[in-house]
Amino acid sequence: MATQGEPNEQLTEIFGTEQESEAIVIEGLLQSAGIESTVIWRETPDVLSGIGGAVVLVREEQAEEARQIIADYRAHPSRDGDENAPPPDTPSPRDPSAA
């Protein structure tokens, strides 16, 4: 997803990975939270960061929120970023065994 902000807007790198699928998941996670992001693909590892693959960029004013969303997702990957979902071991209210 391309960032639609101002042309001179400052973008900040918030995530790097060597896995294309991981970059796509993070981009979708941020998009679902209303944070516009840009994924930059690298063919060779960056000398300073050691990261090949991809980096995810967001607007500077959304960087901290984006980092928190990624941290929460990594702490609870089975919840797929759905903050309203019950924890995996909690029965659903519609689950007959919960009655």
PDB file of N, CA and C in Angstrom:
ATOM      1  N   MET A   1       0.839  -1.165   0.000  1.00  0.00           N
ATOM      2  CA  MET A   1       0.000   0.000   0.000  1.00  0.00           C
ATOM      3  C   MET A   1       0.882   1.225   0.000  1.00  0.00           C
ATOM      4  N   ALA A   2       0.688   2.117  -0.883  1.00  0.00           N
ATOM      5  CA  ALA A   2       1.487   3.328  -0.965  1.00  0.00           C
ATOM      6  C   ALA A   2       0.932   4.371  -0.011  1.00  0.00           C
ATOM      7  N   THR A   3       1.820   5.119   0.578  1.00  0.00           N
ATOM      8  CA  THR A   3       1.409   6.179   1.471  1.00  0.00           C
ATOM      9  C   THR A   3       0.839   7.320   0.653  1.00  0.00           C
ATOM     10  N   GLN A   4      -0.306   7.852   1.084  1.00  0.00           N
ATOM     11  CA  GLN A   4      -1.001   8.889   0.348  1.00  0.00           C
ATOM     12  C   GLN A   4      -0.773  10.275   0.933  1.00  0.00           C
ATOM     13  N   GLY A   5       0.157  10.441   1.854  1.00  0.00           N
ATOM     14  CA  GLY A   5       0.378  11.703   2.541  1.00  0.00           C
ATOM     15  C   GLY A   5       1.070  12.735   1.663  1.00  0.00           C
ATOM     16  N   GLU A   6       1.603  13.746   2.321  1.00  0.00           N
ATOM     17  CA  GLU A   6       2.310  14.822   1.650  1.00  0.00           C
ATOM     18  C   GLU A   6       3.551  14.265   0.952  1.00  0.00           C
ATOM     19  N   PRO A   7       3.921  14.856  -0.204  1.00  0.00           N
ATOM     20  CA  PRO A   7       5.083  14.354  -0.943  1.00  0.00           C
ATOM     21  C   PRO A   7       6.397  14.457  -0.169  1.00  0.00           C
ATOM     22  N   ASN A   8       6.528  15.454   0.699  1.00  0.00           N
ATOM     23  CA  ASN A   8       7.765  15.622   1.461  1.00  0.00           C
ATOM     24  C   ASN A   8       7.668  15.055   2.871  1.00  0.00           C
ATOM     25  N   GLU A   9       6.655  14.262   3.104  1.00  0.00           N
ATOM     26  CA  GLU A   9       6.418  13.691   4.416  1.00  0.00           C
ATOM     27  C   GLU A   9       7.545  12.737   4.796  1.00  0.00           C
ATOM     28  N   GLN A  10       7.938  12.790   6.069  1.00  0.00           N
ATOM     29  CA  GLN A  10       9.012  11.939   6.564  1.00  0.00           C
ATOM     30  C   GLN A  10       8.485  10.541   6.861  1.00  0.00           C
ATOM     31  N   LEU A  11       9.098   9.527   6.260  1.00  0.00           N
ATOM     32  CA  LEU A  11       8.746   8.142   6.542  1.00  0.00           C
ATOM     33  C   LEU A  11       9.816   7.541   7.442  1.00  0.00           C
ATOM     34  N   THR A  12       9.387   6.633   8.313  1.00  0.00           N
ATOM     35  CA  THR A  12      10.276   5.999   9.271  1.00  0.00           C
ATOM     36  C   THR A  12      10.219   4.496   9.097  1.00  0.00           C
ATOM     37  N   GLU A  13      11.392   3.869   9.103  1.00  0.00           N
ATOM     38  CA  GLU A  13      11.464   2.407   9.027  1.00  0.00           C
ATOM     39  C   GLU A  13      11.092   1.842  10.386  1.00  0.00           C
ATOM     40  N   ILE A  14      10.082   0.963  10.402  1.00  0.00           N
ATOM     41  CA  ILE A  14       9.640   0.398  11.677  1.00  0.00           C
ATOM     42  C   ILE A  14       9.817  -1.106  11.767  1.00  0.00           C
ATOM     43  N   PHE A  15      10.080  -1.762  10.636  1.00  0.00           N
ATOM     44  CA  PHE A  15      10.163  -3.211  10.654  1.00  0.00           C
ATOM     45  C   PHE A  15      10.979  -3.684   9.468  1.00  0.00           C
ATOM     46  N   GLY A  16      11.789  -4.693   9.672  1.00  0.00           N
ATOM     47  CA  GLY A  16      12.558  -5.292   8.603  1.00  0.00           C
ATOM     48  C   GLY A  16      12.498  -6.800   8.697  1.00  0.00           C
ATOM     49  N   THR A  17      12.482  -7.469   7.557  1.00  0.00           N
ATOM     50  CA  THR A  17      12.422  -8.927   7.537  1.00  0.00           C
ATOM     51  C   THR A  17      13.038  -9.449   6.252  1.00  0.00           C
ATOM     52  N   GLU A  18      13.487 -10.679   6.305  1.00  0.00           N
ATOM     53  CA  GLU A  18      13.979 -11.345   5.100  1.00  0.00           C
ATOM     54  C   GLU A  18      12.866 -12.144   4.433  1.00  0.00           C
ATOM     55  N   GLN A  19      11.714 -12.254   5.083  1.00  0.00           N
ATOM     56  CA  GLN A  19      10.608 -13.064   4.590  1.00  0.00           C
ATOM     57  C   GLN A  19       9.541 -12.180   3.933  1.00  0.00           C
ATOM     58  N   GLU A  20       9.274 -12.424   2.664  1.00  0.00           N
ATOM     59  CA  GLU A  20       8.252 -11.664   1.951  1.00  0.00           C
ATOM     60  C   GLU A  20       6.892 -11.813   2.623  1.00  0.00           C
ATOM     61  N   SER A  21       6.547 -13.031   3.037  1.00  0.00           N
ATOM     62  CA  SER A  21       5.242 -13.267   3.655  1.00  0.00           C
ATOM     63  C   SER A  21       5.089 -12.478   4.954  1.00  0.00           C
ATOM     64  N   GLU A  22       6.152 -12.360   5.727  1.00  0.00           N
ATOM     65  CA  GLU A  22       6.087 -11.618   6.978  1.00  0.00           C
ATOM     66  C   GLU A  22       5.852 -10.125   6.719  1.00  0.00           C
ATOM     67  N   ALA A  23       6.507  -9.583   5.710  1.00  0.00           N
ATOM     68  CA  ALA A  23       6.308  -8.176   5.353  1.00  0.00           C
ATOM     69  C   ALA A  23       4.869  -7.923   4.922  1.00  0.00           C
ATOM     70  N   ILE A  24       4.289  -8.853   4.187  1.00  0.00           N
ATOM     71  CA  ILE A  24       2.909  -8.714   3.725  1.00  0.00           C
ATOM     72  C   ILE A  24       1.944  -8.780   4.908  1.00  0.00           C
ATOM     73  N   VAL A  25       2.196  -9.682   5.854  1.00  0.00           N
ATOM     74  CA  VAL A  25       1.346  -9.790   7.046  1.00  0.00           C
ATOM     75  C   VAL A  25       1.406  -8.489   7.843  1.00  0.00           C
ATOM     76  N   ILE A  26       2.601  -7.959   8.058  1.00  0.00           N
ATOM     77  CA  ILE A  26       2.754  -6.717   8.828  1.00  0.00           C
ATOM     78  C   ILE A  26       2.068  -5.562   8.108  1.00  0.00           C
ATOM     79  N   GLU A  27       2.223  -5.486   6.805  1.00  0.00           N
ATOM     80  CA  GLU A  27       1.568  -4.427   6.037  1.00  0.00           C
ATOM     81  C   GLU A  27       0.044  -4.523   6.187  1.00  0.00           C
ATOM     82  N   GLY A  28      -0.506  -5.719   6.101  1.00  0.00           N
ATOM     83  CA  GLY A  28      -1.945  -5.916   6.275  1.00  0.00           C
ATOM     84  C   GLY A  28      -2.409  -5.593   7.682  1.00  0.00           C
ATOM     85  N   LEU A  29      -1.607  -5.962   8.668  1.00  0.00           N
ATOM     86  CA  LEU A  29      -1.923  -5.675  10.065  1.00  0.00           C
ATOM     87  C   LEU A  29      -2.019  -4.169  10.293  1.00  0.00           C
ATOM     88  N   LEU A  30      -1.036  -3.443   9.770  1.00  0.00           N
ATOM     89  CA  LEU A  30      -1.047  -1.986   9.917  1.00  0.00           C
ATOM     90  C   LEU A  30      -2.211  -1.365   9.157  1.00  0.00           C
ATOM     91  N   GLN A  31      -2.456  -1.854   7.963  1.00  0.00           N
ATOM     92  CA  GLN A  31      -3.563  -1.338   7.161  1.00  0.00           C
ATOM     93  C   GLN A  31      -4.891  -1.534   7.887  1.00  0.00           C
ATOM     94  N   SER A  32      -5.094  -2.680   8.501  1.00  0.00           N
ATOM     95  CA  SER A  32      -6.344  -2.939   9.220  1.00  0.00           C
ATOM     96  C   SER A  32      -6.490  -2.040  10.440  1.00  0.00           C
ATOM     97  N   ALA A  33      -5.372  -1.506  10.946  1.00  0.00           N
ATOM     98  CA  ALA A  33      -5.401  -0.576  12.082  1.00  0.00           C
ATOM     99  C   ALA A  33      -5.493   0.873  11.613  1.00  0.00           C
ATOM    100  N   GLY A  34      -5.595   1.082  10.296  1.00  0.00           N
ATOM    101  CA  GLY A  34      -5.723   2.429   9.756  1.00  0.00           C
ATOM    102  C   GLY A  34      -4.402   3.154   9.580  1.00  0.00           C
ATOM    103  N   ILE A  35      -3.302   2.423   9.577  1.00  0.00           N
ATOM    104  CA  ILE A  35      -1.979   3.024   9.394  1.00  0.00           C
ATOM    105  C   ILE A  35      -1.492   2.710   7.984  1.00  0.00           C
ATOM    106  N   GLU A  36      -1.264   3.757   7.213  1.00  0.00           N
ATOM    107  CA  GLU A  36      -0.753   3.566   5.863  1.00  0.00           C
ATOM    108  C   GLU A  36       0.720   3.186   5.943  1.00  0.00           C
ATOM    109  N   SER A  37       1.120   2.239   5.119  1.00  0.00           N
ATOM    110  CA  SER A  37       2.507   1.795   5.137  1.00  0.00           C
ATOM    111  C   SER A  37       3.008   1.561   3.723  1.00  0.00           C
ATOM    112  N   THR A  38       4.322   1.540   3.612  1.00  0.00           N
ATOM    113  CA  THR A  38       4.989   1.254   2.350  1.00  0.00           C
ATOM    114  C   THR A  38       6.013   0.162   2.607  1.00  0.00           C
ATOM    115  N   VAL A  39       6.054  -0.840   1.748  1.00  0.00           N
ATOM    116  CA  VAL A  39       7.050  -1.898   1.855  1.00  0.00           C
ATOM    117  C   VAL A  39       8.089  -1.661   0.767  1.00  0.00           C
ATOM    118  N   ILE A  40       9.341  -1.607   1.169  1.00  0.00           N
ATOM    119  CA  ILE A  40      10.458  -1.452   0.238  1.00  0.00           C
ATOM    120  C   ILE A  40      11.186  -2.792   0.182  1.00  0.00           C
ATOM    121  N   TRP A  41      11.329  -3.317  -1.022  1.00  0.00           N
ATOM    122  CA  TRP A  41      11.986  -4.617  -1.207  1.00  0.00           C
ATOM    123  C   TRP A  41      13.449  -4.396  -1.523  1.00  0.00           C
ATOM    124  N   ARG A  42      14.300  -5.148  -0.856  1.00  0.00           N
ATOM    125  CA  ARG A  42      15.749  -5.084  -1.082  1.00  0.00           C
ATOM    126  C   ARG A  42      16.212  -6.424  -1.626  1.00  0.00           C
ATOM    127  N   GLU A  43      17.058  -6.358  -2.622  1.00  0.00           N
ATOM    128  CA  GLU A  43      17.576  -7.593  -3.212  1.00  0.00           C
ATOM    129  C   GLU A  43      18.797  -8.115  -2.469  1.00  0.00           C
ATOM    130  N   THR A  44      19.557  -7.202  -1.858  1.00  0.00           N
ATOM    131  CA  THR A  44      20.753  -7.614  -1.125  1.00  0.00           C
ATOM    132  C   THR A  44      20.716  -7.021   0.272  1.00  0.00           C
ATOM    133  N   PRO A  45      21.364  -7.651   1.222  1.00  0.00           N
ATOM    134  CA  PRO A  45      21.363  -7.124   2.591  1.00  0.00           C
ATOM    135  C   PRO A  45      21.962  -5.723   2.674  1.00  0.00           C
ATOM    136  N   ASP A  46      21.354  -4.891   3.489  1.00  0.00           N
ATOM    137  CA  ASP A  46      21.849  -3.554   3.762  1.00  0.00           C
ATOM    138  C   ASP A  46      23.094  -3.688   4.638  1.00  0.00           C
ATOM    139  N   VAL A  47      24.157  -2.983   4.303  1.00  0.00           N
ATOM    140  CA  VAL A  47      25.419  -3.093   5.029  1.00  0.00           C
ATOM    141  C   VAL A  47      25.258  -2.680   6.490  1.00  0.00           C
ATOM    142  N   LEU A  48      24.480  -1.638   6.760  1.00  0.00           N
ATOM    143  CA  LEU A  48      24.341  -1.152   8.135  1.00  0.00           C
ATOM    144  C   LEU A  48      23.388  -1.986   8.969  1.00  0.00           C
ATOM    145  N   SER A  49      22.236  -2.318   8.414  1.00  0.00           N
ATOM    146  CA  SER A  49      21.247  -3.039   9.215  1.00  0.00           C
ATOM    147  C   SER A  49      21.368  -4.548   9.087  1.00  0.00           C
ATOM    148  N   GLY A  50      22.026  -5.026   8.038  1.00  0.00           N
ATOM    149  CA  GLY A  50      22.135  -6.454   7.823  1.00  0.00           C
ATOM    150  C   GLY A  50      20.846  -7.085   7.334  1.00  0.00           C
ATOM    151  N   ILE A  51      19.875  -6.253   6.968  1.00  0.00           N
ATOM    152  CA  ILE A  51      18.569  -6.758   6.560  1.00  0.00           C
ATOM    153  C   ILE A  51      18.451  -6.748   5.047  1.00  0.00           C
ATOM    154  N   GLY A  52      18.187  -7.913   4.486  1.00  0.00           N
ATOM    155  CA  GLY A  52      17.800  -8.017   3.095  1.00  0.00           C
ATOM    156  C   GLY A  52      16.305  -8.188   3.104  1.00  0.00           C
ATOM    157  N   GLY A  53      15.722  -8.508   2.003  1.00  0.00           N
ATOM    158  CA  GLY A  53      14.282  -8.752   1.999  1.00  0.00           C
ATOM    159  C   GLY A  53      13.491  -7.485   1.903  1.00  0.00           C
ATOM    160  N   ALA A  54      12.845  -7.077   2.997  1.00  0.00           N
ATOM    161  CA  ALA A  54      11.945  -5.937   2.951  1.00  0.00           C
ATOM    162  C   ALA A  54      12.000  -5.130   4.237  1.00  0.00           C
ATOM    163  N   VAL A  55      11.675  -3.844   4.105  1.00  0.00           N
ATOM    164  CA  VAL A  55      11.474  -2.979   5.259  1.00  0.00           C
ATOM    165  C   VAL A  55      10.106  -2.338   5.113  1.00  0.00           C
ATOM    166  N   VAL A  56       9.472  -2.076   6.246  1.00  0.00           N
ATOM    167  CA  VAL A  56       8.162  -1.443   6.259  1.00  0.00           C
ATOM    168  C   VAL A  56       8.342  -0.020   6.785  1.00  0.00           C
ATOM    169  N   LEU A  57       7.816   0.940   6.030  1.00  0.00           N
ATOM    170  CA  LEU A  57       7.896   2.348   6.391  1.00  0.00           C
ATOM    171  C   LEU A  57       6.507   2.890   6.687  1.00  0.00           C
ATOM    172  N   VAL A  58       6.421   3.784   7.675  1.00  0.00           N
ATOM    173  CA  VAL A  58       5.167   4.473   7.986  1.00  0.00           C
ATOM    174  C   VAL A  58       5.486   5.945   8.209  1.00  0.00           C
ATOM    175  N   ARG A  59       4.433   6.769   8.245  1.00  0.00           N
ATOM    176  CA  ARG A  59       4.631   8.187   8.552  1.00  0.00           C
ATOM    177  C   ARG A  59       5.209   8.312   9.951  1.00  0.00           C
ATOM    178  N   GLU A  60       6.100   9.264  10.114  1.00  0.00           N
ATOM    179  CA  GLU A  60       6.812   9.436  11.380  1.00  0.00           C
ATOM    180  C   GLU A  60       5.861   9.564  12.566  1.00  0.00           C
ATOM    181  N   GLU A  61       4.740  10.287  12.406  1.00  0.00           N
ATOM    182  CA  GLU A  61       3.815  10.484  13.529  1.00  0.00           C
ATOM    183  C   GLU A  61       3.049   9.217  13.893  1.00  0.00           C
ATOM    184  N   GLN A  62       3.084   8.188  13.038  1.00  0.00           N
ATOM    185  CA  GLN A  62       2.401   6.925  13.336  1.00  0.00           C
ATOM    186  C   GLN A  62       3.374   5.809  13.694  1.00  0.00           C
ATOM    187  N   ALA A  63       4.657   6.106  13.736  1.00  0.00           N
ATOM    188  CA  ALA A  63       5.671   5.071  13.936  1.00  0.00           C
ATOM    189  C   ALA A  63       5.529   4.364  15.275  1.00  0.00           C
ATOM    190  N   GLU A  64       5.331   5.108  16.340  1.00  0.00           N
ATOM    191  CA  GLU A  64       5.246   4.486  17.665  1.00  0.00           C
ATOM    192  C   GLU A  64       4.015   3.587  17.765  1.00  0.00           C
ATOM    193  N   GLU A  65       2.885   4.055  17.247  1.00  0.00           N
ATOM    194  CA  GLU A  65       1.660   3.240  17.250  1.00  0.00           C
ATOM    195  C   GLU A  65       1.869   1.966  16.428  1.00  0.00           C
ATOM    196  N   ALA A  66       2.512   2.101  15.278  1.00  0.00           N
ATOM    197  CA  ALA A  66       2.773   0.940  14.422  1.00  0.00           C
ATOM    198  C   ALA A  66       3.682  -0.063  15.120  1.00  0.00           C
ATOM    199  N   ARG A  67       4.716   0.425  15.782  1.00  0.00           N
ATOM    200  CA  ARG A  67       5.618  -0.480  16.517  1.00  0.00           C
ATOM    201  C   ARG A  67       4.869  -1.235  17.613  1.00  0.00           C
ATOM    202  N   GLN A  68       3.952  -0.536  18.293  1.00  0.00           N
ATOM    203  CA  GLN A  68       3.184  -1.175  19.359  1.00  0.00           C
ATOM    204  C   GLN A  68       2.258  -2.254  18.793  1.00  0.00           C
ATOM    205  N   ILE A  69       1.634  -1.972  17.656  1.00  0.00           N
ATOM    206  CA  ILE A  69       0.754  -2.950  17.005  1.00  0.00           C
ATOM    207  C   ILE A  69       1.550  -4.198  16.626  1.00  0.00           C
ATOM    208  N   ILE A  70       2.743  -3.992  16.085  1.00  0.00           N
ATOM    209  CA  ILE A  70       3.592  -5.124  15.701  1.00  0.00           C
ATOM    210  C   ILE A  70       4.020  -5.905  16.945  1.00  0.00           C
ATOM    211  N   ALA A  71       4.388  -5.208  18.006  1.00  0.00           N
ATOM    212  CA  ALA A  71       4.799  -5.883  19.249  1.00  0.00           C
ATOM    213  C   ALA A  71       3.647  -6.692  19.828  1.00  0.00           C
ATOM    214  N   ASP A  72       2.450  -6.119  19.833  1.00  0.00           N
ATOM    215  CA  ASP A  72       1.282  -6.848  20.334  1.00  0.00           C
ATOM    216  C   ASP A  72       1.006  -8.085  19.494  1.00  0.00           C
ATOM    217  N   TYR A  73       1.107  -7.943  18.181  1.00  0.00           N
ATOM    218  CA  TYR A  73       0.874  -9.074  17.286  1.00  0.00           C
ATOM    219  C   TYR A  73       1.905 -10.183  17.539  1.00  0.00           C
ATOM    220  N   ARG A  74       3.160  -9.792  17.692  1.00  0.00           N
ATOM    221  CA  ARG A  74       4.205 -10.791  17.912  1.00  0.00           C
ATOM    222  C   ARG A  74       4.041 -11.484  19.267  1.00  0.00           C
ATOM    223  N   ALA A  75       3.487 -10.779  20.243  1.00  0.00           N
ATOM    224  CA  ALA A  75       3.257 -11.376  21.561  1.00  0.00           C
ATOM    225  C   ALA A  75       2.068 -12.342  21.532  1.00  0.00           C
ATOM    226  N   HIS A  76       1.118 -12.101  20.619  1.00  0.00           N
ATOM    227  CA  HIS A  76      -0.102 -12.914  20.525  1.00  0.00           C
ATOM    228  C   HIS A  76      -0.422 -13.222  19.067  1.00  0.00           C
ATOM    229  N   PRO A  77       0.448 -13.939  18.340  1.00  0.00           N
ATOM    230  CA  PRO A  77       0.228 -14.158  16.909  1.00  0.00           C
ATOM    231  C   PRO A  77      -1.019 -14.961  16.577  1.00  0.00           C
ATOM    232  N   SER A  78      -1.490 -15.806  17.475  1.00  0.00           N
ATOM    233  CA  SER A  78      -2.655 -16.642  17.166  1.00  0.00           C
ATOM    234  C   SER A  78      -3.941 -15.840  17.123  1.00  0.00           C
ATOM    235  N   ARG A  79      -3.922 -14.625  17.668  1.00  0.00           N
ATOM    236  CA  ARG A  79      -5.129 -13.802  17.687  1.00  0.00           C
ATOM    237  C   ARG A  79      -5.302 -13.020  16.393  1.00  0.00           C
ATOM    238  N   ASP A  80      -4.318 -13.063  15.485  1.00  0.00           N
ATOM    239  CA  ASP A  80      -4.401 -12.416  14.175  1.00  0.00           C
ATOM    240  C   ASP A  80      -4.727 -10.941  14.271  1.00  0.00           C
ATOM    241  N   GLY A  81      -4.301 -10.274  15.335  1.00  0.00           N
ATOM    242  CA  GLY A  81      -4.512  -8.852  15.460  1.00  0.00           C
ATOM    243  C   GLY A  81      -5.935  -8.448  15.776  1.00  0.00           C
ATOM    244  N   ASP A  82      -6.842  -9.415  16.035  1.00  0.00           N
ATOM    245  CA  ASP A  82      -8.233  -9.106  16.346  1.00  0.00           C
ATOM    246  C   ASP A  82      -8.342  -8.864  17.837  1.00  0.00           C
ATOM    247  N   GLU A  83      -8.359  -7.582  18.232  1.00  0.00           N
ATOM    248  CA  GLU A  83      -8.382  -7.246  19.646  1.00  0.00           C
ATOM    249  C   GLU A  83      -9.676  -7.672  20.328  1.00  0.00           C
ATOM    250  N   ASN A  84     -10.749  -7.906  19.563  1.00  0.00           N
ATOM    251  CA  ASN A  84     -12.030  -8.292  20.140  1.00  0.00           C
ATOM    252  C   ASN A  84     -12.190  -9.802  20.255  1.00  0.00           C
ATOM    253  N   ALA A  85     -11.245 -10.549  19.730  1.00  0.00           N
ATOM    254  CA  ALA A  85     -11.342 -12.003  19.769  1.00  0.00           C
ATOM    255  C   ALA A  85     -11.048 -12.500  21.179  1.00  0.00           C
ATOM    256  N   PRO A  86     -11.788 -13.516  21.631  1.00  0.00           N
ATOM    257  CA  PRO A  86     -11.484 -14.068  22.953  1.00  0.00           C
ATOM    258  C   PRO A  86     -10.154 -14.798  22.896  1.00  0.00           C
ATOM    259  N   PRO A  87      -9.454 -14.911  24.030  1.00  0.00           N
ATOM    260  CA  PRO A  87      -8.220 -15.699  24.035  1.00  0.00           C
ATOM    261  C   PRO A  87      -8.522 -17.120  23.568  1.00  0.00           C
ATOM    262  N   PRO A  88      -7.542 -17.807  22.987  1.00  0.00           N
ATOM    263  CA  PRO A  88      -7.769 -19.126  22.401  1.00  0.00           C
ATOM    264  C   PRO A  88      -8.391 -20.143  23.351  1.00  0.00           C
ATOM    265  N   ASP A  89      -8.127 -20.073  24.670  1.00  0.00           N
ATOM    266  CA  ASP A  89      -8.668 -21.064  25.597  1.00  0.00           C
ATOM    267  C   ASP A  89      -9.995 -20.641  26.231  1.00  0.00           C
ATOM    268  N   THR A  90     -10.572 -19.517  25.782  1.00  0.00           N
ATOM    269  CA  THR A  90     -11.852 -19.053  26.316  1.00  0.00           C
ATOM    270  C   THR A  90     -12.969 -19.464  25.374  1.00  0.00           C
ATOM    271  N   PRO A  91     -13.998 -20.184  25.857  1.00  0.00           N
ATOM    272  CA  PRO A  91     -15.084 -20.585  24.963  1.00  0.00           C
ATOM    273  C   PRO A  91     -15.848 -19.364  24.457  1.00  0.00           C
ATOM    274  N   SER A  92     -16.324 -19.463  23.257  1.00  0.00           N
ATOM    275  CA  SER A  92     -17.144 -18.403  22.656  1.00  0.00           C
ATOM    276  C   SER A  92     -18.490 -18.367  23.376  1.00  0.00           C
ATOM    277  N   PRO A  93     -19.109 -17.165  23.496  1.00  0.00           N
ATOM    278  CA  PRO A  93     -20.427 -17.105  24.138  1.00  0.00           C
ATOM    279  C   PRO A  93     -21.475 -17.945  23.421  1.00  0.00           C
ATOM    280  N   ARG A  94     -21.277 -18.197  22.134  1.00  0.00           N
ATOM    281  CA  ARG A  94     -22.209 -19.024  21.374  1.00  0.00           C
ATOM    282  C   ARG A  94     -21.885 -20.503  21.445  1.00  0.00           C
ATOM    283  N   ASP A  95     -20.795 -20.827  22.106  1.00  0.00           N
ATOM    284  CA  ASP A  95     -20.342 -22.209  22.232  1.00  0.00           C
ATOM    285  C   ASP A  95     -21.243 -22.928  23.239  1.00  0.00           C
ATOM    286  N   PRO A  96     -21.946 -24.007  22.822  1.00  0.00           N
ATOM    287  CA  PRO A  96     -22.856 -24.722  23.719  1.00  0.00           C
ATOM    288  C   PRO A  96     -22.165 -25.225  24.981  1.00  0.00           C
ATOM    289  N   SER A  97     -20.881 -25.529  24.917  1.00  0.00           N
ATOM    290  CA  SER A  97     -20.189 -26.028  26.098  1.00  0.00           C
ATOM    291  C   SER A  97     -19.941 -24.916  27.126  1.00  0.00           C
ATOM    292  N   ALA A  98     -20.150 -23.661  26.739  1.00  0.00           N
ATOM    293  CA  ALA A  98     -19.938 -22.543  27.662  1.00  0.00           C
ATOM    294  C   ALA A  98     -21.145 -22.354  28.570  1.00  0.00           C
ATOM    295  N   ALA A  99     -22.287 -22.968  28.245  1.00  0.00           N
ATOM    296  CA  ALA A  99     -23.518 -22.769  29.024  1.00  0.00           C
ATOM    297  C   ALA A  99     -23.556 -23.625  30.264  1.00  0.00           C
TER     298      ALA A  99
END
